[in-house]
Amino acid sequence: MPEITIPARPHPVTWELGQTALIVIDMQKDFLYPDGYGALLGNDTELLLRTVAPIQAVLAAARKLGMFVVHTREGHPADLSDCPPTKLTRWPPGNRIGDPGPMGRILVQGEWGHGIIDEVAPLPGEIVLDKPGKNAFYRTPLDEMLRERGIQNLLVAGVTTDVCCFATVIAANDRGFNALVLEDCVASYSPERHTAALETIVAQGGIFGWVSDSAALLAGLENLDADER
């Protein structure tokens, strides 16, 4: 498989495409849609919706190349059997996991709000991982799926920058995977936390990984196509 060089902070990366996967984290209705649970809590979902167009472009490019694509959803079964008490009781009654929300029970699998938004919906055959925590490796088969396919590098998109994306990047680093976060393909309800999370990832020479954007990635892919022609 060909290699691609992506301009990034703190320095460019050169990765073999066959060893690279795209992970799209928690693009769920309850988090992104203006009548969902996130908005009910007073968050500005427009800050997250700005990721949709760049993620669509990156997904289209990844699919064209036959890249391994993984989508994740945070949530729990209806009986909340995998939800630890610390997570369950952290918020007041009415705003807790499993309580009725504007799009069904909050963070419960199968509810309308738990589903991935239509704009970046998985295609048939693409992996959708349900995760009970923030980090996409926790109590999921993600590690095994990547290793059995020879994947070493992750392109990271989704929400939110400072919570599930950040936790997944740290977990990837601890497991020996490279992670590059596409800055315009991730977002937070807080611009300040978005910036702080990205700066932490690239600190000290890239202590957790790299940061780039969709334009740089897509330009690299276009150059690759031109070279092959």
Foldseek 3Di string as FASTA:
>chain_A
DDWFWFAWPPGIDIDDQLQEAEEAEAQFQQQQPCQHLVVVVPFDNVQQVLLLVLVLVVVVLCVVVVHAYEYEFAAAALVNPVADPCQQVVDDPPSGQQHQISQGGHRHPPTRRRDHDPSNHDDPPHHYYYDHALASVPPTCVVVVSVVSNHQEYEYAYDAQQTSRLNNLQVSVVVRHAYEYALSRHGYSDPVSSVVSQCVCNPPNRPRHIYHHSVRVVVRVVVVVVVVD
